[in-house]
Amino acid sequence: MSEINPSETLLFLSTVYWASRCLHVAAELGVADFLDNEPQTAAQLAANIGVNAKPLHRILRALVNRGVFELKGGRFSHNAASRLLRTDVDGSMRLRAMMDGLPMHWDAYRELGSTLRTGRPAIEGVVKGSLFGYLGAHRDEARVFAGAMVGKSSAQISHVLAAYDFGRFKTIGDIGGGLGHLLEAVLETAPATKGVVFDLPEVIDQARASAHSRITYVGGSFFEDRIPPCDAYMLMNVLHDWSDEESVAILKNIQSAAPASATFLIIEGIVNEESRGDFLIDCDIEMMVMTTGRERTRVEWEAVFQAAGLPLKRILQAGTWTAVIEAGAA
């Protein structure tokens, strides 16, 4: 087995954003939507998209080089990865790629060094206030963000459903549940269960556009507004956006109107600091740049639950980088 060349390791890490930026641009242009089942040249695609053919060929060739699209005989075609950039497929990652290429997101990483000096999220150097405050004032980017969260979690949901039995609950609240994609999937496996999606009013307005018959949609702030009582509360990829103090405040606000017997299901990753090539450790930098939150180790999760007065009951692994953390009444 050959040794990894340390120079090549550093070169790859230093330049990988070249390919990332090509992915962002291809997603924004909707290239995958214009490429159907028949292979096409960059000139054909460019004519339909309304861009210059030569740079498009080079951008797509760079993506082929990293495993996205195929190139043969001067014509581009789909592979499994590029199909996930289409808008019309289940588990589409197009909006996720678009979100990572938004100007405010790209600019925030330019300011990463400021976090070392201030201890604050780097995004505060490029927008007024927080990420979520910015999204509240920029509806188009907020829609991209909401769709990106759907794409990100779609790959996790099947593992979550396989790991946990949701059918024992009469009512499940999906807190910070976005458009309700997780709850809808849960209800498919639990036909006698009803649900509540709770999120910011502007997100709920969007979710109601494709309402589910067994879901009630409630808008508000999970820091201060009353959340309807449920038998169980799910928070998927929510608390990693917030500091320990803010996470405890969210959990305590939910508890203020929850039945004493309620179960809390925190669907997040658990960092193993000795892992290598671990998405969660990379994602922790995203949390540091864009939010006040973090990806947490088991010890760090236990501290949050203890501060919130919620005994941790068990942890069920659900895929490579997701777990269902069950907490609540003993």
C-alpha atoms as a PDB file:
ATOM      1  CA  MET A   1       0.000   0.000   0.000  1.00  0.00           C
ATOM      2  CA  SER A   2       1.540   3.290  -1.121  1.00  0.00           C
ATOM      3  CA  GLU A   3       1.958   6.135   1.328  1.00  0.00           C
ATOM      4  CA  ILE A   4      -0.064   9.308   0.904  1.00  0.00           C
ATOM      5  CA  ASN A   5       2.120  12.062  -0.471  1.00  0.00           C
ATOM      6  CA  PRO A   6       1.917  14.911   2.082  1.00  0.00           C
ATOM      7  CA  SER A   7       2.447  17.544  -0.604  1.00  0.00           C
ATOM      8  CA  GLU A   8      -0.477  16.153  -2.588  1.00  0.00           C
ATOM      9  CA  THR A   9      -2.642  16.169   0.541  1.00  0.00           C
ATOM     10  CA  LEU A  10      -1.968  19.857   1.103  1.00  0.00           C
ATOM     11  CA  LEU A  11      -2.362  20.705  -2.583  1.00  0.00           C
ATOM     12  CA  PHE A  12      -5.749  18.988  -2.710  1.00  0.00           C
ATOM     13  CA  LEU A  13      -7.017  20.771   0.392  1.00  0.00           C
ATOM     14  CA  SER A  14      -5.724  24.108  -0.826  1.00  0.00           C
ATOM     15  CA  THR A  15      -7.420  23.864  -4.216  1.00  0.00           C
ATOM     16  CA  VAL A  16     -10.522  21.715  -3.746  1.00  0.00           C
ATOM     17  CA  TYR A  17     -12.671  24.865  -3.797  1.00  0.00           C
ATOM     18  CA  TRP A  18     -11.921  25.135  -7.526  1.00  0.00           C
ATOM     19  CA  ALA A  19     -14.171  22.137  -8.138  1.00  0.00           C
ATOM     20  CA  SER A  20     -16.627  23.232  -5.438  1.00  0.00           C
ATOM     21  CA  ARG A  21     -17.171  26.534  -7.202  1.00  0.00           C
ATOM     22  CA  CYS A  22     -17.822  24.736 -10.493  1.00  0.00           C
ATOM     23  CA  LEU A  23     -20.477  22.660  -8.724  1.00  0.00           C
ATOM     24  CA  HIS A  24     -22.153  25.786  -7.311  1.00  0.00           C
ATOM     25  CA  VAL A  25     -22.296  27.426 -10.739  1.00  0.00           C
ATOM     26  CA  ALA A  26     -23.594  24.303 -12.495  1.00  0.00           C
ATOM     27  CA  ALA A  27     -26.327  23.968  -9.880  1.00  0.00           C
ATOM     28  CA  GLU A  28     -27.314  27.623 -10.165  1.00  0.00           C
ATOM     29  CA  LEU A  29     -27.545  27.359 -13.959  1.00  0.00           C
ATOM     30  CA  GLY A  30     -29.603  24.177 -13.715  1.00  0.00           C
ATOM     31  CA  VAL A  31     -27.299  22.338 -16.121  1.00  0.00           C
ATOM     32  CA  ALA A  32     -28.508  18.928 -14.946  1.00  0.00           C
ATOM     33  CA  ASP A  33     -32.114  19.867 -15.747  1.00  0.00           C
ATOM     34  CA  PHE A  34     -31.145  20.737 -19.335  1.00  0.00           C
ATOM     35  CA  LEU A  35     -29.283  17.454 -19.774  1.00  0.00           C
ATOM     36  CA  ASP A  36     -31.818  14.684 -20.403  1.00  0.00           C
ATOM     37  CA  ASN A  37     -31.183  11.056 -21.295  1.00  0.00           C
ATOM     38  CA  GLU A  38     -29.283  11.809 -24.516  1.00  0.00           C
ATOM     39  CA  PRO A  39     -25.641  12.949 -24.287  1.00  0.00           C
ATOM     40  CA  GLN A  40     -25.078  16.566 -25.342  1.00  0.00           C
ATOM     41  CA  THR A  41     -22.129  18.755 -26.219  1.00  0.00           C
ATOM     42  CA  ALA A  42     -21.383  21.838 -24.174  1.00  0.00           C
ATOM     43  CA  ALA A  43     -22.429  23.880 -27.233  1.00  0.00           C
ATOM     44  CA  GLN A  44     -25.888  22.281 -27.220  1.00  0.00           C
ATOM     45  CA  LEU A  45     -26.293  22.832 -23.493  1.00  0.00           C
ATOM     46  CA  ALA A  46     -24.963  26.388 -23.659  1.00  0.00           C
ATOM     47  CA  ALA A  47     -27.439  27.311 -26.411  1.00  0.00           C
ATOM     48  CA  ASN A  48     -30.355  26.188 -24.243  1.00  0.00           C
ATOM     49  CA  ILE A  49     -29.026  27.697 -21.022  1.00  0.00           C
ATOM     50  CA  GLY A  50     -27.902  30.978 -22.592  1.00  0.00           C
ATOM     51  CA  VAL A  51     -24.194  30.905 -21.678  1.00  0.00           C
ATOM     52  CA  ASN A  52     -20.849  30.642 -23.478  1.00  0.00           C
ATOM     53  CA  ALA A  53     -20.043  27.122 -24.648  1.00  0.00           C
ATOM     54  CA  LYS A  54     -16.272  27.044 -24.147  1.00  0.00           C
ATOM     55  CA  PRO A  55     -16.211  27.925 -20.428  1.00  0.00           C
ATOM     56  CA  LEU A  56     -19.202  25.637 -19.847  1.00  0.00           C
ATOM     57  CA  HIS A  57     -17.267  22.736 -21.399  1.00  0.00           C
ATOM     58  CA  ARG A  58     -14.321  23.403 -19.094  1.00  0.00           C
ATOM     59  CA  ILE A  59     -16.498  23.680 -15.980  1.00  0.00           C
ATOM     60  CA  LEU A  60     -18.306  20.434 -16.772  1.00  0.00           C
ATOM     61  CA  ARG A  61     -15.010  18.707 -17.571  1.00  0.00           C
ATOM     62  CA  ALA A  62     -13.741  19.766 -14.142  1.00  0.00           C
ATOM     63  CA  LEU A  63     -16.828  18.226 -12.553  1.00  0.00           C
ATOM     64  CA  VAL A  64     -16.340  15.013 -14.538  1.00  0.00           C
ATOM     65  CA  ASN A  65     -12.832  14.974 -13.104  1.00  0.00           C
ATOM     66  CA  ARG A  66     -14.405  14.840  -9.621  1.00  0.00           C
ATOM     67  CA  GLY A  67     -17.065  12.225 -10.426  1.00  0.00           C
ATOM     68  CA  VAL A  68     -20.001  14.438 -11.446  1.00  0.00           C
ATOM     69  CA  PHE A  69     -21.323  13.888 -15.034  1.00  0.00           C
ATOM     70  CA  GLU A  70     -19.646  11.709 -17.672  1.00  0.00           C
ATOM     71  CA  LEU A  71     -17.702  12.826 -20.761  1.00  0.00           C
ATOM     72  CA  LYS A  72     -17.206  10.648 -23.832  1.00  0.00           C
ATOM     73  CA  GLY A  73     -16.558  11.688 -27.410  1.00  0.00           C
ATOM     74  CA  GLY A  74     -17.014  15.345 -26.567  1.00  0.00           C
ATOM     75  CA  ARG A  75     -20.526  14.803 -25.172  1.00  0.00           C
ATOM     76  CA  PHE A  76     -21.666  15.027 -21.576  1.00  0.00           C
ATOM     77  CA  SER A  77     -24.124  12.628 -19.958  1.00  0.00           C
ATOM     78  CA  HIS A  78     -25.500  11.939 -16.522  1.00  0.00           C
ATOM     79  CA  ASN A  79     -24.171   9.645 -13.852  1.00  0.00           C
ATOM     80  CA  ALA A  80     -25.624   8.895 -10.414  1.00  0.00           C
ATOM     81  CA  ALA A  81     -24.092  12.009  -8.852  1.00  0.00           C
ATOM     82  CA  SER A  82     -25.130  14.470 -11.557  1.00  0.00           C
ATOM     83  CA  ARG A  83     -28.721  13.187 -11.544  1.00  0.00           C
ATOM     84  CA  LEU A  84     -28.970  14.394  -7.948  1.00  0.00           C
ATOM     85  CA  LEU A  85     -28.425  17.923  -9.295  1.00  0.00           C
ATOM     86  CA  ARG A  86     -31.733  17.703 -11.175  1.00  0.00           C
ATOM     87  CA  THR A  87     -34.641  19.547  -9.618  1.00  0.00           C
ATOM     88  CA  ASP A  88     -37.171  16.800 -10.330  1.00  0.00           C
ATOM     89  CA  VAL A  89     -35.575  13.804  -8.557  1.00  0.00           C
ATOM     90  CA  ASP A  90     -36.146  12.487  -5.057  1.00  0.00           C
ATOM     91  CA  GLY A  91     -33.323  13.541  -2.790  1.00  0.00           C
ATOM     92  CA  SER A  92     -32.237  16.353  -5.128  1.00  0.00           C
ATOM     93  CA  MET A  93     -29.051  18.084  -3.949  1.00  0.00           C
ATOM     94  CA  ARG A  94     -29.335  21.013  -6.363  1.00  0.00           C
ATOM     95  CA  LEU A  95     -30.493  23.536  -3.769  1.00  0.00           C
ATOM     96  CA  ARG A  96     -27.861  22.317  -1.323  1.00  0.00           C
ATOM     97  CA  ALA A  97     -25.151  23.051  -3.904  1.00  0.00           C
ATOM     98  CA  MET A  98     -26.776  26.403  -4.687  1.00  0.00           C
ATOM     99  CA  MET A  99     -26.870  27.337  -0.994  1.00  0.00           C
ATOM    100  CA  ASP A 100     -23.163  26.707  -0.558  1.00  0.00           C
ATOM    101  CA  GLY A 101     -22.547  29.038  -3.498  1.00  0.00           C
ATOM    102  CA  LEU A 102     -24.715  31.926  -2.295  1.00  0.00           C
ATOM    103  CA  PRO A 103     -22.682  35.153  -2.025  1.00  0.00           C
ATOM    104  CA  MET A 104     -23.332  35.527   1.704  1.00  0.00           C
ATOM    105  CA  HIS A 105     -22.201  31.927   2.298  1.00  0.00           C
ATOM    106  CA  TRP A 106     -19.109  32.185   0.114  1.00  0.00           C
ATOM    107  CA  ASP A 107     -18.169  35.546   1.642  1.00  0.00           C
ATOM    108  CA  ALA A 108     -18.562  34.227   5.197  1.00  0.00           C
ATOM    109  CA  TYR A 109     -15.768  31.709   4.625  1.00  0.00           C
ATOM    110  CA  ARG A 110     -13.504  34.524   3.501  1.00  0.00           C
ATOM    111  CA  GLU A 111     -13.893  35.894   7.035  1.00  0.00           C
ATOM    112  CA  LEU A 112     -13.089  32.626   8.845  1.00  0.00           C
ATOM    113  CA  GLY A 113     -10.014  34.147  10.463  1.00  0.00           C
ATOM    114  CA  SER A 114     -12.178  36.721  12.232  1.00  0.00           C
ATOM    115  CA  THR A 115     -13.751  33.931  14.298  1.00  0.00           C
ATOM    116  CA  LEU A 116     -10.364  33.191  15.828  1.00  0.00           C
ATOM    117  CA  ARG A 117     -10.062  36.809  16.909  1.00  0.00           C
ATOM    118  CA  THR A 118     -13.628  37.467  18.063  1.00  0.00           C
ATOM    119  CA  GLY A 119     -15.098  34.051  18.895  1.00  0.00           C
ATOM    120  CA  ARG A 120     -18.154  35.038  16.874  1.00  0.00           C
ATOM    121  CA  PRO A 121     -19.562  33.431  13.681  1.00  0.00           C
ATOM    122  CA  ALA A 122     -17.685  34.678  10.624  1.00  0.00           C
ATOM    123  CA  ILE A 123     -20.944  35.472   8.829  1.00  0.00           C
ATOM    124  CA  GLU A 124     -21.488  38.387  11.210  1.00  0.00           C
ATOM    125  CA  GLY A 125     -18.710  40.157   9.312  1.00  0.00           C
ATOM    126  CA  VAL A 126     -20.618  40.066   6.017  1.00  0.00           C
ATOM    127  CA  VAL A 127     -24.315  40.430   6.967  1.00  0.00           C
ATOM    128  CA  LYS A 128     -26.201  42.401   9.558  1.00  0.00           C
ATOM    129  CA  GLY A 129     -27.020  40.166  12.518  1.00  0.00           C
ATOM    130  CA  SER A 130     -27.214  36.377  12.284  1.00  0.00           C
ATOM    131  CA  LEU A 131     -27.694  33.920   9.443  1.00  0.00           C
ATOM    132  CA  PHE A 132     -31.327  33.403  10.381  1.00  0.00           C
ATOM    133  CA  GLY A 133     -31.982  37.108  10.672  1.00  0.00           C
ATOM    134  CA  TYR A 134     -30.506  37.563   7.211  1.00  0.00           C
ATOM    135  CA  LEU A 135     -32.644  34.784   5.753  1.00  0.00           C
ATOM    136  CA  GLY A 136     -35.742  36.303   7.336  1.00  0.00           C
ATOM    137  CA  ALA A 137     -35.102  39.475   5.328  1.00  0.00           C
ATOM    138  CA  HIS A 138     -34.129  37.751   2.065  1.00  0.00           C
ATOM    139  CA  ARG A 139     -36.950  35.452   0.994  1.00  0.00           C
ATOM    140  CA  ASP A 140     -35.367  34.108  -2.210  1.00  0.00           C
ATOM    141  CA  GLU A 141     -32.232  32.987  -0.393  1.00  0.00           C
ATOM    142  CA  ALA A 142     -34.390  31.645   2.444  1.00  0.00           C
ATOM    143  CA  ARG A 143     -36.192  29.404  -0.047  1.00  0.00           C
ATOM    144  CA  VAL A 144     -32.870  28.084  -1.323  1.00  0.00           C
ATOM    145  CA  PHE A 145     -31.790  27.444   2.272  1.00  0.00           C
ATOM    146  CA  ALA A 146     -35.025  25.617   3.141  1.00  0.00           C
ATOM    147  CA  GLY A 147     -34.741  23.460   0.041  1.00  0.00           C
ATOM    148  CA  ALA A 148     -31.093  22.753   0.811  1.00  0.00           C
ATOM    149  CA  MET A 149     -32.046  21.439   4.237  1.00  0.00           C
ATOM    150  CA  VAL A 150     -34.553  19.101   2.594  1.00  0.00           C
ATOM    151  CA  GLY A 151     -31.862  17.806   0.246  1.00  0.00           C
ATOM    152  CA  LYS A 152     -29.333  17.367   3.042  1.00  0.00           C
ATOM    153  CA  SER A 153     -31.688  15.430   5.291  1.00  0.00           C
ATOM    154  CA  SER A 154     -33.265  13.287   2.575  1.00  0.00           C
ATOM    155  CA  ALA A 155     -30.271  10.972   2.658  1.00  0.00           C
ATOM    156  CA  GLN A 156     -30.638  10.637   6.438  1.00  0.00           C
ATOM    157  CA  ILE A 157     -34.369  10.013   6.725  1.00  0.00           C
ATOM    158  CA  SER A 158     -34.454   6.371   5.607  1.00  0.00           C
ATOM    159  CA  HIS A 159     -31.806   5.516   8.213  1.00  0.00           C
ATOM    160  CA  VAL A 160     -33.761   7.367  10.916  1.00  0.00           C
ATOM    161  CA  LEU A 161     -36.957   5.483  10.068  1.00  0.00           C
ATOM    162  CA  ALA A 162     -35.103   2.169  10.191  1.00  0.00           C
ATOM    163  CA  ALA A 163     -33.520   2.987  13.552  1.00  0.00           C
ATOM    164  CA  TYR A 164     -36.554   4.152  15.530  1.00  0.00           C
ATOM    165  CA  ASP A 165     -40.199   3.104  16.019  1.00  0.00           C
ATOM    166  CA  PHE A 166     -42.338   6.247  15.815  1.00  0.00           C
ATOM    167  CA  GLY A 167     -45.659   4.390  15.717  1.00  0.00           C
ATOM    168  CA  ARG A 168     -46.067   4.337  19.514  1.00  0.00           C
ATOM    169  CA  PHE A 169     -46.781   8.085  19.647  1.00  0.00           C
ATOM    170  CA  LYS A 170     -50.207   9.654  19.089  1.00  0.00           C
ATOM    171  CA  THR A 171     -48.832  13.092  18.241  1.00  0.00           C
ATOM    172  CA  ILE A 172     -45.309  14.047  17.132  1.00  0.00           C
ATOM    173  CA  GLY A 173     -44.040  17.598  16.957  1.00  0.00           C
ATOM    174  CA  ASP A 174     -41.342  18.387  14.398  1.00  0.00           C
ATOM    175  CA  ILE A 175     -39.693  21.451  15.927  1.00  0.00           C
ATOM    176  CA  GLY A 176     -37.760  23.594  13.484  1.00  0.00           C
ATOM    177  CA  GLY A 177     -39.179  21.134  10.983  1.00  0.00           C
ATOM    178  CA  GLY A 178     -38.952  23.332   7.912  1.00  0.00           C
ATOM    179  CA  LEU A 179     -41.279  22.150   5.161  1.00  0.00           C
ATOM    180  CA  GLY A 180     -42.229  19.009   7.108  1.00  0.00           C
ATOM    181  CA  HIS A 181     -40.382  16.469   4.971  1.00  0.00           C
ATOM    182  CA  LEU A 182     -39.155  14.444   7.967  1.00  0.00           C
ATOM    183  CA  LEU A 183     -42.552  14.392   9.659  1.00  0.00           C
ATOM    184  CA  GLU A 184     -44.307  13.365   6.452  1.00  0.00           C
ATOM    185  CA  ALA A 185     -41.926  10.417   6.109  1.00  0.00           C
ATOM    186  CA  VAL A 186     -42.484   9.466   9.763  1.00  0.00           C
ATOM    187  CA  LEU A 187     -46.273   9.573   9.353  1.00  0.00           C
ATOM    188  CA  GLU A 188     -46.040   7.232   6.384  1.00  0.00           C
ATOM    189  CA  THR A 189     -44.676   4.612   8.788  1.00  0.00           C
ATOM    190  CA  ALA A 190     -47.182   5.490  11.545  1.00  0.00           C
ATOM    191  CA  PRO A 191     -50.688   5.671  10.012  1.00  0.00           C
ATOM    192  CA  ALA A 192     -52.438   6.299  13.363  1.00  0.00           C
ATOM    193  CA  THR A 193     -50.138   9.179  14.334  1.00  0.00           C
ATOM    194  CA  LYS A 194     -50.748  12.888  13.817  1.00  0.00           C
ATOM    195  CA  GLY A 195     -48.127  15.601  13.684  1.00  0.00           C
ATOM    196  CA  VAL A 196     -47.289  19.253  14.229  1.00  0.00           C
ATOM    197  CA  VAL A 197     -44.674  21.185  12.274  1.00  0.00           C
ATOM    198  CA  PHE A 198     -43.388  24.219  14.177  1.00  0.00           C
ATOM    199  CA  ASP A 199     -41.105  26.729  12.505  1.00  0.00           C
ATOM    200  CA  LEU A 200     -40.803  30.427  11.721  1.00  0.00           C
ATOM    201  CA  PRO A 201     -43.993  31.931  10.224  1.00  0.00           C
ATOM    202  CA  GLU A 202     -42.433  32.539   6.805  1.00  0.00           C
ATOM    203  CA  VAL A 203     -41.290  28.896   6.639  1.00  0.00           C
ATOM    204  CA  ILE A 204     -44.723  27.644   7.712  1.00  0.00           C
ATOM    205  CA  ASP A 205     -46.363  29.746   4.987  1.00  0.00           C
ATOM    206  CA  GLN A 206     -44.225  27.869   2.481  1.00  0.00           C
ATOM    207  CA  ALA A 207     -44.941  24.481   4.100  1.00  0.00           C
ATOM    208  CA  ARG A 208     -48.709  25.027   3.973  1.00  0.00           C
ATOM    209  CA  ALA A 209     -48.512  25.260   0.187  1.00  0.00           C
ATOM    210  CA  SER A 210     -48.291  21.436   0.144  1.00  0.00           C
ATOM    211  CA  ALA A 211     -50.066  20.617   3.396  1.00  0.00           C
ATOM    212  CA  HIS A 212     -50.366  17.059   4.715  1.00  0.00           C
ATOM    213  CA  SER A 213     -53.810  16.002   5.969  1.00  0.00           C
ATOM    214  CA  ARG A 214     -52.481  14.746   9.342  1.00  0.00           C
ATOM    215  CA  ILE A 215     -50.177  17.686  10.048  1.00  0.00           C
ATOM    216  CA  THR A 216     -50.983  20.935  11.839  1.00  0.00           C
ATOM    217  CA  TYR A 217     -48.718  23.834  10.872  1.00  0.00           C
ATOM    218  CA  VAL A 218     -47.766  26.352  13.570  1.00  0.00           C
ATOM    219  CA  GLY A 219     -45.564  29.401  13.116  1.00  0.00           C
ATOM    220  CA  GLY A 220     -43.494  31.020  15.832  1.00  0.00           C
ATOM    221  CA  SER A 221     -40.155  31.212  17.621  1.00  0.00           C
ATOM    222  CA  PHE A 222     -39.003  28.095  19.424  1.00  0.00           C
ATOM    223  CA  PHE A 223     -37.212  30.334  21.914  1.00  0.00           C
ATOM    224  CA  GLU A 224     -40.319  32.045  23.267  1.00  0.00           C
ATOM    225  CA  ASP A 225     -43.625  31.021  21.684  1.00  0.00           C
ATOM    226  CA  ARG A 226     -45.853  28.278  23.021  1.00  0.00           C
ATOM    227  CA  ILE A 227     -45.410  24.978  21.224  1.00  0.00           C
ATOM    228  CA  PRO A 228     -48.450  22.665  21.122  1.00  0.00           C
ATOM    229  CA  PRO A 229     -48.258  19.690  23.538  1.00  0.00           C
ATOM    230  CA  CYS A 230     -47.207  16.429  21.871  1.00  0.00           C
ATOM    231  CA  ASP A 231     -46.255  12.934  22.978  1.00  0.00           C
ATOM    232  CA  ALA A 232     -42.879  13.295  21.272  1.00  0.00           C
ATOM    233  CA  TYR A 233     -40.813  16.136  19.884  1.00  0.00           C
ATOM    234  CA  MET A 234     -38.294  15.722  17.075  1.00  0.00           C
ATOM    235  CA  LEU A 235     -35.495  18.193  16.416  1.00  0.00           C
ATOM    236  CA  MET A 236     -33.496  17.152  13.374  1.00  0.00           C
ATOM    237  CA  ASN A 237     -30.337  19.123  12.609  1.00  0.00           C
ATOM    238  CA  VAL A 238     -31.641  22.018  14.703  1.00  0.00           C
ATOM    239  CA  LEU A 239     -29.591  22.247  17.888  1.00  0.00           C
ATOM    240  CA  HIS A 240     -26.289  22.102  16.026  1.00  0.00           C
ATOM    241  CA  ASP A 241     -27.189  25.596  14.773  1.00  0.00           C
ATOM    242  CA  TRP A 242     -27.199  26.997  18.308  1.00  0.00           C
ATOM    243  CA  SER A 243     -24.832  27.423  21.240  1.00  0.00           C
ATOM    244  CA  ASP A 244     -25.215  25.265  24.344  1.00  0.00           C
ATOM    245  CA  GLU A 245     -27.030  28.101  26.153  1.00  0.00           C
ATOM    246  CA  GLU A 246     -29.394  28.672  23.228  1.00  0.00           C
ATOM    247  CA  SER A 247     -30.008  24.924  22.824  1.00  0.00           C
ATOM    248  CA  VAL A 248     -30.937  24.642  26.493  1.00  0.00           C
ATOM    249  CA  ALA A 249     -33.311  27.602  26.108  1.00  0.00           C
ATOM    250  CA  ILE A 250     -35.015  25.895  23.148  1.00  0.00           C
ATOM    251  CA  LEU A 251     -35.437  22.627  25.035  1.00  0.00           C
ATOM    252  CA  LYS A 252     -36.770  24.379  28.134  1.00  0.00           C
ATOM    253  CA  ASN A 253     -39.285  26.356  26.087  1.00  0.00           C
ATOM    254  CA  ILE A 254     -40.587  23.150  24.518  1.00  0.00           C
ATOM    255  CA  GLN A 255     -40.839  21.572  27.968  1.00  0.00           C
ATOM    256  CA  SER A 256     -42.868  24.492  29.310  1.00  0.00           C
ATOM    257  CA  ALA A 257     -45.987  23.267  27.490  1.00  0.00           C
ATOM    258  CA  ALA A 258     -45.046  19.593  27.057  1.00  0.00           C
ATOM    259  CA  PRO A 259     -46.628  16.690  28.947  1.00  0.00           C
ATOM    260  CA  ALA A 260     -44.388  15.433  31.750  1.00  0.00           C
ATOM    261  CA  SER A 261     -44.091  12.085  29.954  1.00  0.00           C
ATOM    262  CA  ALA A 262     -43.011  13.569  26.597  1.00  0.00           C
ATOM    263  CA  THR A 263     -40.122  12.035  24.701  1.00  0.00           C
ATOM    264  CA  PHE A 264     -37.476  14.228  23.048  1.00  0.00           C
ATOM    265  CA  LEU A 265     -35.790  12.883  19.924  1.00  0.00           C
ATOM    266  CA  ILE A 266     -32.702  14.829  18.909  1.00  0.00           C
ATOM    267  CA  ILE A 267     -31.630  13.685  15.459  1.00  0.00           C
ATOM    268  CA  GLU A 268     -28.051  14.852  15.037  1.00  0.00           C
ATOM    269  CA  GLY A 269     -24.526  13.605  14.633  1.00  0.00           C
ATOM    270  CA  ILE A 270     -22.189  12.620  17.446  1.00  0.00           C
ATOM    271  CA  VAL A 271     -18.590  13.625  16.847  1.00  0.00           C
ATOM    272  CA  ASN A 272     -15.790  11.125  17.347  1.00  0.00           C
ATOM    273  CA  GLU A 273     -12.717  13.329  17.536  1.00  0.00           C
ATOM    274  CA  GLU A 274     -10.447  10.442  16.560  1.00  0.00           C
ATOM    275  CA  SER A 275     -12.257   9.894  13.239  1.00  0.00           C
ATOM    276  CA  ARG A 276     -10.612  10.821   9.949  1.00  0.00           C
ATOM    277  CA  GLY A 277     -12.431  11.882   6.796  1.00  0.00           C
ATOM    278  CA  ASP A 278     -15.498  12.498   8.961  1.00  0.00           C
ATOM    279  CA  PHE A 279     -18.230  14.727   7.490  1.00  0.00           C
ATOM    280  CA  LEU A 280     -19.311  15.827  10.967  1.00  0.00           C
ATOM    281  CA  ILE A 281     -15.903  17.269  11.793  1.00  0.00           C
ATOM    282  CA  ASP A 282     -15.987  19.205   8.513  1.00  0.00           C
ATOM    283  CA  CYS A 283     -19.573  20.285   9.220  1.00  0.00           C
ATOM    284  CA  ASP A 284     -18.478  21.665  12.577  1.00  0.00           C
ATOM    285  CA  ILE A 285     -16.557  24.355  10.676  1.00  0.00           C
ATOM    286  CA  GLU A 286     -19.749  25.233   8.810  1.00  0.00           C
ATOM    287  CA  MET A 287     -21.480  25.659  12.162  1.00  0.00           C
ATOM    288  CA  MET A 288     -18.641  27.850  13.420  1.00  0.00           C
ATOM    289  CA  VAL A 289     -18.702  30.075  10.330  1.00  0.00           C
ATOM    290  CA  MET A 290     -22.461  30.382   9.874  1.00  0.00           C
ATOM    291  CA  THR A 291     -24.010  29.949  13.343  1.00  0.00           C
ATOM    292  CA  THR A 292     -23.352  30.050  17.073  1.00  0.00           C
ATOM    293  CA  GLY A 293     -23.625  26.265  17.183  1.00  0.00           C
ATOM    294  CA  ARG A 294     -21.380  23.247  16.839  1.00  0.00           C
ATOM    295  CA  GLU A 295     -21.310  19.536  16.116  1.00  0.00           C
ATOM    296  CA  ARG A 296     -21.084  17.857  19.532  1.00  0.00           C
ATOM    297  CA  THR A 297     -19.390  14.855  21.082  1.00  0.00           C
ATOM    298  CA  ARG A 298     -21.389  12.535  23.327  1.00  0.00           C
ATOM    299  CA  VAL A 299     -20.018  14.309  26.412  1.00  0.00           C
ATOM    300  CA  GLU A 300     -21.105  17.672  25.007  1.00  0.00           C
ATOM    301  CA  TRP A 301     -24.608  16.369  24.259  1.00  0.00           C
ATOM    302  CA  GLU A 302     -24.897  14.967  27.768  1.00  0.00           C
ATOM    303  CA  ALA A 303     -24.014  18.398  29.176  1.00  0.00           C
ATOM    304  CA  VAL A 304     -26.757  20.063  27.136  1.00  0.00           C
ATOM    305  CA  PHE A 305     -29.388  17.563  28.274  1.00  0.00           C
ATOM    306  CA  GLN A 306     -28.306  17.811  31.889  1.00  0.00           C
ATOM    307  CA  ALA A 307     -28.579  21.607  31.793  1.00  0.00           C
ATOM    308  CA  ALA A 308     -32.047  21.315  30.240  1.00  0.00           C
ATOM    309  CA  GLY A 309     -33.194  18.807  32.871  1.00  0.00           C
ATOM    310  CA  LEU A 310     -33.715  16.042  30.310  1.00  0.00           C
ATOM    311  CA  PRO A 311     -32.222  12.639  31.174  1.00  0.00           C
ATOM    312  CA  LEU A 312     -30.510  11.014  28.195  1.00  0.00           C
ATOM    313  CA  LYS A 313     -32.112   7.581  27.757  1.00  0.00           C
ATOM    314  CA  ARG A 314     -30.398   6.005  24.751  1.00  0.00           C
ATOM    315  CA  ILE A 315     -28.610   6.691  21.474  1.00  0.00           C
ATOM    316  CA  LEU A 316     -29.454   4.805  18.301  1.00  0.00           C
ATOM    317  CA  GLN A 317     -27.114   5.096  15.337  1.00  0.00           C
ATOM    318  CA  ALA A 318     -28.954   5.946  12.111  1.00  0.00           C
ATOM    319  CA  GLY A 319     -26.528   5.824   9.222  1.00  0.00           C
ATOM    320  CA  THR A 320     -22.918   6.950   9.039  1.00  0.00           C
ATOM    321  CA  TRP A 321     -23.167  10.412  10.608  1.00  0.00           C
ATOM    322  CA  THR A 322     -26.618  10.574  12.189  1.00  0.00           C
ATOM    323  CA  ALA A 323     -28.015   9.278  15.475  1.00  0.00           C
ATOM    324  CA  VAL A 324     -31.387   9.383  17.225  1.00  0.00           C
ATOM    325  CA  ILE A 325     -30.718  10.659  20.740  1.00  0.00           C
ATOM    326  CA  GLU A 326     -33.684   9.860  22.981  1.00  0.00           C
ATOM    327  CA  ALA A 327     -34.183  11.953  26.103  1.00  0.00           C
ATOM    328  CA  GLY A 328     -37.038  12.735  28.443  1.00  0.00           C
ATOM    329  CA  ALA A 329     -38.806  11.457  31.505  1.00  0.00           C
ATOM    330  CA  ALA A 330     -37.048   8.591  33.213  1.00  0.00           C
END
